Amino acid sequence: MTVSQLLFQISTVSQIDPKIILFLIIFSIFWVLPWKGVALWKAAKNSDKKWFIVIFLLNTLSLIEILYIFIFAKRKKATRPSQTEPDS
């Protein structure tokens, strides 16, 4: 793709109906916030400081958050020893 083609595509974005743009913004907010909230909560609960920072700073339309929730948080949970001790 040449620079002129890219500029043409960017200029056509302004021709999109503002209602559609508003809908996409609102939809993305309602999509991202729950995933980000759950992922941040799990990262904090698992004491994953690096993951917490990455999830907090990067906005990837919840791709990183979903990966963390369903893959990395479970992997960490499986390798962590049990926190409960038997009563004496």
PDB file of N, CA and C in Angstrom:
ATOM      1  N   MET A   1       0.840  -1.167   0.000  1.00  0.00           N
ATOM      2  CA  MET A   1       0.000   0.000   0.000  1.00  0.00           C
ATOM      3  C   MET A   1       0.894   1.242   0.000  1.00  0.00           C
ATOM      4  N   THR A   2       0.595   2.143  -0.911  1.00  0.00           N
ATOM      5  CA  THR A   2       1.386   3.365  -0.992  1.00  0.00           C
ATOM      6  C   THR A   2       0.863   4.393   0.006  1.00  0.00           C
ATOM      7  N   VAL A   3       1.653   5.415   0.209  1.00  0.00           N
ATOM      8  CA  VAL A   3       1.276   6.484   1.144  1.00  0.00           C
ATOM      9  C   VAL A   3       0.016   7.190   0.666  1.00  0.00           C
ATOM     10  N   SER A   4      -0.101   7.413  -0.631  1.00  0.00           N
ATOM     11  CA  SER A   4      -1.293   8.100  -1.153  1.00  0.00           C
ATOM     12  C   SER A   4      -2.551   7.262  -0.943  1.00  0.00           C
ATOM     13  N   GLN A   5      -2.445   5.934  -1.078  1.00  0.00           N
ATOM     14  CA  GLN A   5      -3.596   5.079  -0.816  1.00  0.00           C
ATOM     15  C   GLN A   5      -3.986   5.124   0.658  1.00  0.00           C
ATOM     16  N   LEU A   6      -2.995   5.114   1.521  1.00  0.00           N
ATOM     17  CA  LEU A   6      -3.260   5.191   2.956  1.00  0.00           C
ATOM     18  C   LEU A   6      -3.929   6.508   3.314  1.00  0.00           C
ATOM     19  N   LEU A   7      -3.429   7.609   2.763  1.00  0.00           N
ATOM     20  CA  LEU A   7      -4.036   8.910   3.019  1.00  0.00           C
ATOM     21  C   LEU A   7      -5.467   8.968   2.492  1.00  0.00           C
ATOM     22  N   PHE A   8      -5.726   8.343   1.359  1.00  0.00           N
ATOM     23  CA  PHE A   8      -7.086   8.312   0.813  1.00  0.00           C
ATOM     24  C   PHE A   8      -8.025   7.556   1.749  1.00  0.00           C
ATOM     25  N   GLN A   9      -7.558   6.433   2.283  1.00  0.00           N
ATOM     26  CA  GLN A   9      -8.387   5.660   3.204  1.00  0.00           C
ATOM     27  C   GLN A   9      -8.665   6.443   4.483  1.00  0.00           C
ATOM     28  N   ILE A  10      -7.663   7.149   4.980  1.00  0.00           N
ATOM     29  CA  ILE A  10      -7.857   7.953   6.185  1.00  0.00           C
ATOM     30  C   ILE A  10      -8.846   9.077   5.916  1.00  0.00           C
ATOM     31  N   SER A  11      -8.780   9.684   4.755  1.00  0.00           N
ATOM     32  CA  SER A  11      -9.696  10.778   4.448  1.00  0.00           C
ATOM     33  C   SER A  11     -11.131  10.301   4.298  1.00  0.00           C
ATOM     34  N   THR A  12     -11.327   9.054   3.900  1.00  0.00           N
ATOM     35  CA  THR A  12     -12.693   8.550   3.762  1.00  0.00           C
ATOM     36  C   THR A  12     -13.324   8.231   5.105  1.00  0.00           C
ATOM     37  N   VAL A  13     -12.531   8.138   6.149  1.00  0.00           N
ATOM     38  CA  VAL A  13     -13.081   7.885   7.474  1.00  0.00           C
ATOM     39  C   VAL A  13     -13.997   9.035   7.893  1.00  0.00           C
ATOM     40  N   SER A  14     -13.671  10.233   7.500  1.00  0.00           N
ATOM     41  CA  SER A  14     -14.482  11.383   7.882  1.00  0.00           C
ATOM     42  C   SER A  14     -15.860  11.347   7.236  1.00  0.00           C
ATOM     43  N   GLN A  15     -16.061  10.520   6.229  1.00  0.00           N
ATOM     44  CA  GLN A  15     -17.352  10.416   5.566  1.00  0.00           C
ATOM     45  C   GLN A  15     -18.276   9.416   6.253  1.00  0.00           C
ATOM     46  N   ILE A  16     -17.806   8.734   7.275  1.00  0.00           N
ATOM     47  CA  ILE A  16     -18.632   7.788   8.010  1.00  0.00           C
ATOM     48  C   ILE A  16     -19.602   8.574   8.889  1.00  0.00           C
ATOM     49  N   ASP A  17     -20.798   8.071   8.993  1.00  0.00           N
ATOM     50  CA  ASP A  17     -21.833   8.711   9.804  1.00  0.00           C
ATOM     51  C   ASP A  17     -21.363   8.832  11.259  1.00  0.00           C
ATOM     52  N   PRO A  18     -21.484  10.008  11.860  1.00  0.00           N
ATOM     53  CA  PRO A  18     -21.048  10.185  13.259  1.00  0.00           C
ATOM     54  C   PRO A  18     -21.767   9.256  14.234  1.00  0.00           C
ATOM     55  N   LYS A  19     -22.997   8.855  13.926  1.00  0.00           N
ATOM     56  CA  LYS A  19     -23.709   7.919  14.809  1.00  0.00           C
ATOM     57  C   LYS A  19     -23.022   6.561  14.849  1.00  0.00           C
ATOM     58  N   ILE A  20     -22.487   6.150  13.711  1.00  0.00           N
ATOM     59  CA  ILE A  20     -21.772   4.873  13.664  1.00  0.00           C
ATOM     60  C   ILE A  20     -20.480   4.961  14.472  1.00  0.00           C
ATOM     61  N   ILE A  21     -19.780   6.061  14.347  1.00  0.00           N
ATOM     62  CA  ILE A  21     -18.546   6.252  15.117  1.00  0.00           C
ATOM     63  C   ILE A  21     -18.854   6.271  16.610  1.00  0.00           C
ATOM     64  N   LEU A  22     -19.906   6.976  17.011  1.00  0.00           N
ATOM     65  CA  LEU A  22     -20.303   7.023  18.420  1.00  0.00           C
ATOM     66  C   LEU A  22     -20.673   5.628  18.918  1.00  0.00           C
ATOM     67  N   PHE A  23     -21.419   4.881  18.111  1.00  0.00           N
ATOM     68  CA  PHE A  23     -21.781   3.518  18.486  1.00  0.00           C
ATOM     69  C   PHE A  23     -20.540   2.656  18.687  1.00  0.00           C
ATOM     70  N   LEU A  24     -19.575   2.751  17.781  1.00  0.00           N
ATOM     71  CA  LEU A  24     -18.342   1.959  17.896  1.00  0.00           C
ATOM     72  C   LEU A  24     -17.544   2.328  19.136  1.00  0.00           C
ATOM     73  N   ILE A  25     -17.505   3.603  19.463  1.00  0.00           N
ATOM     74  CA  ILE A  25     -16.791   4.037  20.665  1.00  0.00           C
ATOM     75  C   ILE A  25     -17.478   3.490  21.913  1.00  0.00           C
ATOM     76  N   ILE A  26     -18.799   3.628  21.985  1.00  0.00           N
ATOM     77  CA  ILE A  26     -19.537   3.140  23.158  1.00  0.00           C
ATOM     78  C   ILE A  26     -19.427   1.622  23.257  1.00  0.00           C
ATOM     79  N   PHE A  27     -19.553   0.930  22.139  1.00  0.00           N
ATOM     80  CA  PHE A  27     -19.435  -0.521  22.147  1.00  0.00           C
ATOM     81  C   PHE A  27     -18.055  -0.962  22.628  1.00  0.00           C
ATOM     82  N   SER A  28     -17.019  -0.287  22.140  1.00  0.00           N
ATOM     83  CA  SER A  28     -15.658  -0.675  22.549  1.00  0.00           C
ATOM     84  C   SER A  28     -15.441  -0.419  24.036  1.00  0.00           C
ATOM     85  N   ILE A  29     -16.030   0.641  24.574  1.00  0.00           N
ATOM     86  CA  ILE A  29     -15.905   0.901  26.010  1.00  0.00           C
ATOM     87  C   ILE A  29     -16.566  -0.219  26.811  1.00  0.00           C
ATOM     88  N   PHE A  30     -17.789  -0.591  26.425  1.00  0.00           N
ATOM     89  CA  PHE A  30     -18.489  -1.650  27.150  1.00  0.00           C
ATOM     90  C   PHE A  30     -17.870  -3.022  26.928  1.00  0.00           C
ATOM     91  N   TRP A  31     -17.121  -3.191  25.877  1.00  0.00           N
ATOM     92  CA  TRP A  31     -16.411  -4.447  25.636  1.00  0.00           C
ATOM     93  C   TRP A  31     -15.124  -4.500  26.454  1.00  0.00           C
ATOM     94  N   VAL A  32     -14.374  -3.413  26.482  1.00  0.00           N
ATOM     95  CA  VAL A  32     -13.043  -3.395  27.094  1.00  0.00           C
ATOM     96  C   VAL A  32     -13.106  -3.351  28.621  1.00  0.00           C
ATOM     97  N   LEU A  33     -13.958  -2.524  29.184  1.00  0.00           N
ATOM     98  CA  LEU A  33     -13.938  -2.318  30.634  1.00  0.00           C
ATOM     99  C   LEU A  33     -14.136  -3.585  31.466  1.00  0.00           C
ATOM    100  N   PRO A  34     -15.121  -4.428  31.177  1.00  0.00           N
ATOM    101  CA  PRO A  34     -15.239  -5.644  31.994  1.00  0.00           C
ATOM    102  C   PRO A  34     -14.026  -6.570  31.882  1.00  0.00           C
ATOM    103  N   TRP A  35     -13.510  -6.753  30.666  1.00  0.00           N
ATOM    104  CA  TRP A  35     -12.339  -7.618  30.493  1.00  0.00           C
ATOM    105  C   TRP A  35     -11.135  -7.047  31.234  1.00  0.00           C
ATOM    106  N   LYS A  36     -10.910  -5.750  31.082  1.00  0.00           N
ATOM    107  CA  LYS A  36      -9.768  -5.116  31.741  1.00  0.00           C
ATOM    108  C   LYS A  36      -9.911  -5.208  33.256  1.00  0.00           C
ATOM    109  N   GLY A  37     -11.115  -4.978  33.758  1.00  0.00           N
ATOM    110  CA  GLY A  37     -11.348  -5.059  35.201  1.00  0.00           C
ATOM    111  C   GLY A  37     -11.056  -6.433  35.765  1.00  0.00           C
ATOM    112  N   VAL A  38     -11.566  -7.468  35.105  1.00  0.00           N
ATOM    113  CA  VAL A  38     -11.338  -8.840  35.580  1.00  0.00           C
ATOM    114  C   VAL A  38      -9.865  -9.205  35.483  1.00  0.00           C
ATOM    115  N   ALA A  39      -9.226  -8.840  34.381  1.00  0.00           N
ATOM    116  CA  ALA A  39      -7.804  -9.172  34.211  1.00  0.00           C
ATOM    117  C   ALA A  39      -6.943  -8.450  35.242  1.00  0.00           C
ATOM    118  N   LEU A  40      -7.227  -7.183  35.506  1.00  0.00           N
ATOM    119  CA  LEU A  40      -6.465  -6.453  36.524  1.00  0.00           C
ATOM    120  C   LEU A  40      -6.694  -7.056  37.903  1.00  0.00           C
ATOM    121  N   TRP A  41      -7.919  -7.435  38.195  1.00  0.00           N
ATOM    122  CA  TRP A  41      -8.225  -8.044  39.489  1.00  0.00           C
ATOM    123  C   TRP A  41      -7.472  -9.356  39.661  1.00  0.00           C
ATOM    124  N   LYS A  42      -7.477 -10.204  38.615  1.00  0.00           N
ATOM    125  CA  LYS A  42      -6.765 -11.482  38.709  1.00  0.00           C
ATOM    126  C   LYS A  42      -5.257 -11.274  38.804  1.00  0.00           C
ATOM    127  N   ALA A  43      -4.726 -10.310  38.069  1.00  0.00           N
ATOM    128  CA  ALA A  43      -3.285 -10.041  38.133  1.00  0.00           C
ATOM    129  C   ALA A  43      -2.896  -9.559  39.527  1.00  0.00           C
ATOM    130  N   ALA A  44      -3.717  -8.711  40.108  1.00  0.00           N
ATOM    131  CA  ALA A  44      -3.427  -8.239  41.474  1.00  0.00           C
ATOM    132  C   ALA A  44      -3.545  -9.386  42.474  1.00  0.00           C
ATOM    133  N   LYS A  45      -4.560 -10.205  42.319  1.00  0.00           N
ATOM    134  CA  LYS A  45      -4.767 -11.336  43.227  1.00  0.00           C
ATOM    135  C   LYS A  45      -3.618 -12.338  43.145  1.00  0.00           C
ATOM    136  N   ASN A  46      -3.065 -12.515  41.928  1.00  0.00           N
ATOM    137  CA  ASN A  46      -1.954 -13.445  41.734  1.00  0.00           C
ATOM    138  C   ASN A  46      -0.587 -12.801  41.963  1.00  0.00           C
ATOM    139  N   SER A  47      -0.568 -11.542  42.349  1.00  0.00           N
ATOM    140  CA  SER A  47       0.679 -10.784  42.573  1.00  0.00           C
ATOM    141  C   SER A  47       1.553 -10.743  41.324  1.00  0.00           C
ATOM    142  N   ASP A  48       0.932 -10.619  40.176  1.00  0.00           N
ATOM    143  CA  ASP A  48       1.650 -10.497  38.914  1.00  0.00           C
ATOM    144  C   ASP A  48       1.830  -9.021  38.570  1.00  0.00           C
ATOM    145  N   LYS A  49       2.864  -8.405  39.129  1.00  0.00           N
ATOM    146  CA  LYS A  49       3.063  -6.974  38.930  1.00  0.00           C
ATOM    147  C   LYS A  49       3.319  -6.618  37.472  1.00  0.00           C
ATOM    148  N   LYS A  50       4.113  -7.427  36.792  1.00  0.00           N
ATOM    149  CA  LYS A  50       4.415  -7.140  35.385  1.00  0.00           C
ATOM    150  C   LYS A  50       3.164  -7.235  34.525  1.00  0.00           C
ATOM    151  N   TRP A  51       2.363  -8.279  34.735  1.00  0.00           N
ATOM    152  CA  TRP A  51       1.125  -8.412  33.978  1.00  0.00           C
ATOM    153  C   TRP A  51       0.173  -7.262  34.295  1.00  0.00           C
ATOM    154  N   PHE A  52       0.096  -6.869  35.560  1.00  0.00           N
ATOM    155  CA  PHE A  52      -0.782  -5.765  35.952  1.00  0.00           C
ATOM    156  C   PHE A  52      -0.411  -4.497  35.192  1.00  0.00           C
ATOM    157  N   ILE A  53       0.867  -4.194  35.124  1.00  0.00           N
ATOM    158  CA  ILE A  53       1.326  -2.984  34.422  1.00  0.00           C
ATOM    159  C   ILE A  53       1.022  -3.077  32.929  1.00  0.00           C
ATOM    160  N   VAL A  54       1.292  -4.230  32.323  1.00  0.00           N
ATOM    161  CA  VAL A  54       1.037  -4.394  30.889  1.00  0.00           C
ATOM    162  C   VAL A  54      -0.453  -4.244  30.593  1.00  0.00           C
ATOM    163  N   ILE A  55      -1.293  -4.896  31.371  1.00  0.00           N
ATOM    164  CA  ILE A  55      -2.740  -4.819  31.149  1.00  0.00           C
ATOM    165  C   ILE A  55      -3.248  -3.402  31.377  1.00  0.00           C
ATOM    166  N   PHE A  56      -2.713  -2.740  32.391  1.00  0.00           N
ATOM    167  CA  PHE A  56      -3.158  -1.381  32.712  1.00  0.00           C
ATOM    168  C   PHE A  56      -2.775  -0.381  31.624  1.00  0.00           C
ATOM    169  N   LEU A  57      -1.583  -0.510  31.066  1.00  0.00           N
ATOM    170  CA  LEU A  57      -1.087   0.498  30.136  1.00  0.00           C
ATOM    171  C   LEU A  57      -1.483   0.262  28.674  1.00  0.00           C
ATOM    172  N   LEU A  58      -1.576  -0.987  28.258  1.00  0.00           N
ATOM    173  CA  LEU A  58      -1.846  -1.266  26.850  1.00  0.00           C
ATOM    174  C   LEU A  58      -3.341  -1.428  26.586  1.00  0.00           C
ATOM    175  N   ASN A  59      -3.784  -0.849  25.491  1.00  0.00           N
ATOM    176  CA  ASN A  59      -5.165  -1.028  25.071  1.00  0.00           C
ATOM    177  C   ASN A  59      -5.162  -1.811  23.767  1.00  0.00           C
ATOM    178  N   THR A  60      -5.535  -3.073  23.843  1.00  0.00           N
ATOM    179  CA  THR A  60      -5.519  -3.940  22.668  1.00  0.00           C
ATOM    180  C   THR A  60      -6.910  -4.493  22.387  1.00  0.00           C
ATOM    181  N   LEU A  61      -7.943  -3.739  22.732  1.00  0.00           N
ATOM    182  CA  LEU A  61      -9.333  -4.179  22.611  1.00  0.00           C
ATOM    183  C   LEU A  61      -9.536  -5.526  23.299  1.00  0.00           C
ATOM    184  N   SER A  62      -8.915  -5.671  24.443  1.00  0.00           N
ATOM    185  CA  SER A  62      -9.075  -6.801  25.364  1.00  0.00           C
ATOM    186  C   SER A  62      -8.401  -8.088  24.933  1.00  0.00           C
ATOM    187  N   LEU A  63      -7.566  -8.069  23.927  1.00  0.00           N
ATOM    188  CA  LEU A  63      -6.887  -9.301  23.526  1.00  0.00           C
ATOM    189  C   LEU A  63      -5.935  -9.795  24.612  1.00  0.00           C
ATOM    190  N   ILE A  64      -5.118  -8.901  25.148  1.00  0.00           N
ATOM    191  CA  ILE A  64      -4.184  -9.294  26.206  1.00  0.00           C
ATOM    192  C   ILE A  64      -4.944  -9.710  27.459  1.00  0.00           C
ATOM    193  N   GLU A  65      -6.007  -8.980  27.774  1.00  0.00           N
ATOM    194  CA  GLU A  65      -6.787  -9.285  28.966  1.00  0.00           C
ATOM    195  C   GLU A  65      -7.408 -10.680  28.886  1.00  0.00           C
ATOM    196  N   ILE A  66      -7.973 -11.011  27.734  1.00  0.00           N
ATOM    197  CA  ILE A  66      -8.594 -12.325  27.555  1.00  0.00           C
ATOM    198  C   ILE A  66      -7.546 -13.432  27.629  1.00  0.00           C
ATOM    199  N   LEU A  67      -6.395 -13.219  27.016  1.00  0.00           N
ATOM    200  CA  LEU A  67      -5.319 -14.210  27.107  1.00  0.00           C
ATOM    201  C   LEU A  67      -4.876 -14.411  28.548  1.00  0.00           C
ATOM    202  N   TYR A  68      -4.732 -13.310  29.286  1.00  0.00           N
ATOM    203  CA  TYR A  68      -4.297 -13.438  30.674  1.00  0.00           C
ATOM    204  C   TYR A  68      -5.331 -14.205  31.498  1.00  0.00           C
ATOM    205  N   ILE A  69      -6.606 -13.850  31.348  1.00  0.00           N
ATOM    206  CA  ILE A  69      -7.655 -14.480  32.149  1.00  0.00           C
ATOM    207  C   ILE A  69      -7.726 -15.982  31.887  1.00  0.00           C
ATOM    208  N   PHE A  70      -7.732 -16.379  30.624  1.00  0.00           N
ATOM    209  CA  PHE A  70      -7.988 -17.773  30.294  1.00  0.00           C
ATOM    210  C   PHE A  70      -6.742 -18.640  30.160  1.00  0.00           C
ATOM    211  N   ILE A  71      -5.558 -18.041  30.021  1.00  0.00           N
ATOM    212  CA  ILE A  71      -4.351 -18.851  29.838  1.00  0.00           C
ATOM    213  C   ILE A  71      -3.354 -18.628  30.970  1.00  0.00           C
ATOM    214  N   PHE A  72      -2.858 -17.414  31.094  1.00  0.00           N
ATOM    215  CA  PHE A  72      -1.746 -17.163  32.008  1.00  0.00           C
ATOM    216  C   PHE A  72      -2.160 -17.176  33.477  1.00  0.00           C
ATOM    217  N   ALA A  73      -3.331 -16.670  33.825  1.00  0.00           N
ATOM    218  CA  ALA A  73      -3.764 -16.682  35.218  1.00  0.00           C
ATOM    219  C   ALA A  73      -4.005 -18.102  35.690  1.00  0.00           C
ATOM    220  N   LYS A  74      -4.568 -18.939  34.837  1.00  0.00           N
ATOM    221  CA  LYS A  74      -4.802 -20.335  35.215  1.00  0.00           C
ATOM    222  C   LYS A  74      -3.494 -21.095  35.331  1.00  0.00           C
ATOM    223  N   ARG A  75      -2.540 -20.792  34.448  1.00  0.00           N
ATOM    224  CA  ARG A  75      -1.236 -21.450  34.511  1.00  0.00           C
ATOM    225  C   ARG A  75      -0.543 -21.099  35.824  1.00  0.00           C
ATOM    226  N   LYS A  76      -0.613 -19.839  36.214  1.00  0.00           N
ATOM    227  CA  LYS A  76       0.002 -19.387  37.465  1.00  0.00           C
ATOM    228  C   LYS A  76      -0.693 -20.047  38.651  1.00  0.00           C
ATOM    229  N   LYS A  77      -2.027 -20.150  38.591  1.00  0.00           N
ATOM    230  CA  LYS A  77      -2.794 -20.741  39.676  1.00  0.00           C
ATOM    231  C   LYS A  77      -2.465 -22.223  39.837  1.00  0.00           C
ATOM    232  N   ALA A  78      -2.242 -22.916  38.736  1.00  0.00           N
ATOM    233  CA  ALA A  78      -1.941 -24.343  38.783  1.00  0.00           C
ATOM    234  C   ALA A  78      -0.560 -24.607  39.362  1.00  0.00           C
ATOM    235  N   THR A  79       0.391 -23.702  39.150  1.00  0.00           N
ATOM    236  CA  THR A  79       1.748 -23.920  39.646  1.00  0.00           C
ATOM    237  C   THR A  79       1.942 -23.413  41.070  1.00  0.00           C
ATOM    238  N   ARG A  80       0.991 -22.622  41.567  1.00  0.00           N
ATOM    239  CA  ARG A  80       1.108 -22.071  42.920  1.00  0.00           C
ATOM    240  C   ARG A  80       0.702 -23.126  43.947  1.00  0.00           C
ATOM    241  N   PRO A  81       1.508 -23.309  45.002  1.00  0.00           N
ATOM    242  CA  PRO A  81       1.122 -24.257  46.046  1.00  0.00           C
ATOM    243  C   PRO A  81      -0.072 -23.723  46.835  1.00  0.00           C
ATOM    244  N   SER A  82      -0.769 -24.611  47.472  1.00  0.00           N
ATOM    245  CA  SER A  82      -1.961 -24.233  48.229  1.00  0.00           C
ATOM    246  C   SER A  82      -1.584 -23.307  49.386  1.00  0.00           C
ATOM    247  N   GLN A  83      -2.391 -22.283  49.594  1.00  0.00           N
ATOM    248  CA  GLN A  83      -2.121 -21.310  50.655  1.00  0.00           C
ATOM    249  C   GLN A  83      -2.701 -21.765  52.006  1.00  0.00           C
ATOM    250  N   THR A  84      -3.571 -22.737  52.002  1.00  0.00           N
ATOM    251  CA  THR A  84      -4.197 -23.169  53.252  1.00  0.00           C
ATOM    252  C   THR A  84      -3.331 -24.221  53.928  1.00  0.00           C
ATOM    253  N   GLU A  85      -3.268 -24.131  55.215  1.00  0.00           N
ATOM    254  CA  GLU A  85      -2.528 -25.104  55.999  1.00  0.00           C
ATOM    255  C   GLU A  85      -3.506 -25.908  56.834  1.00  0.00           C
ATOM    256  N   PRO A  86      -3.229 -27.170  57.073  1.00  0.00           N
ATOM    257  CA  PRO A  86      -4.150 -27.959  57.901  1.00  0.00           C
ATOM    258  C   PRO A  86      -4.157 -27.444  59.339  1.00  0.00           C
ATOM    259  N   ASP A  87      -5.340 -27.496  59.956  1.00  0.00           N
ATOM    260  CA  ASP A  87      -5.455 -27.058  61.346  1.00  0.00           C
ATOM    261  C   ASP A  87      -4.758 -28.024  62.270  1.00  0.00           C
ATOM    262  N   SER A  88      -4.068 -27.476  63.264  1.00  0.00           N
ATOM    263  CA  SER A  88      -3.359 -28.328  64.220  1.00  0.00           C
ATOM    264  C   SER A  88      -4.079 -28.360  65.535  1.00  0.00           C
TER     265      SER A  88
END
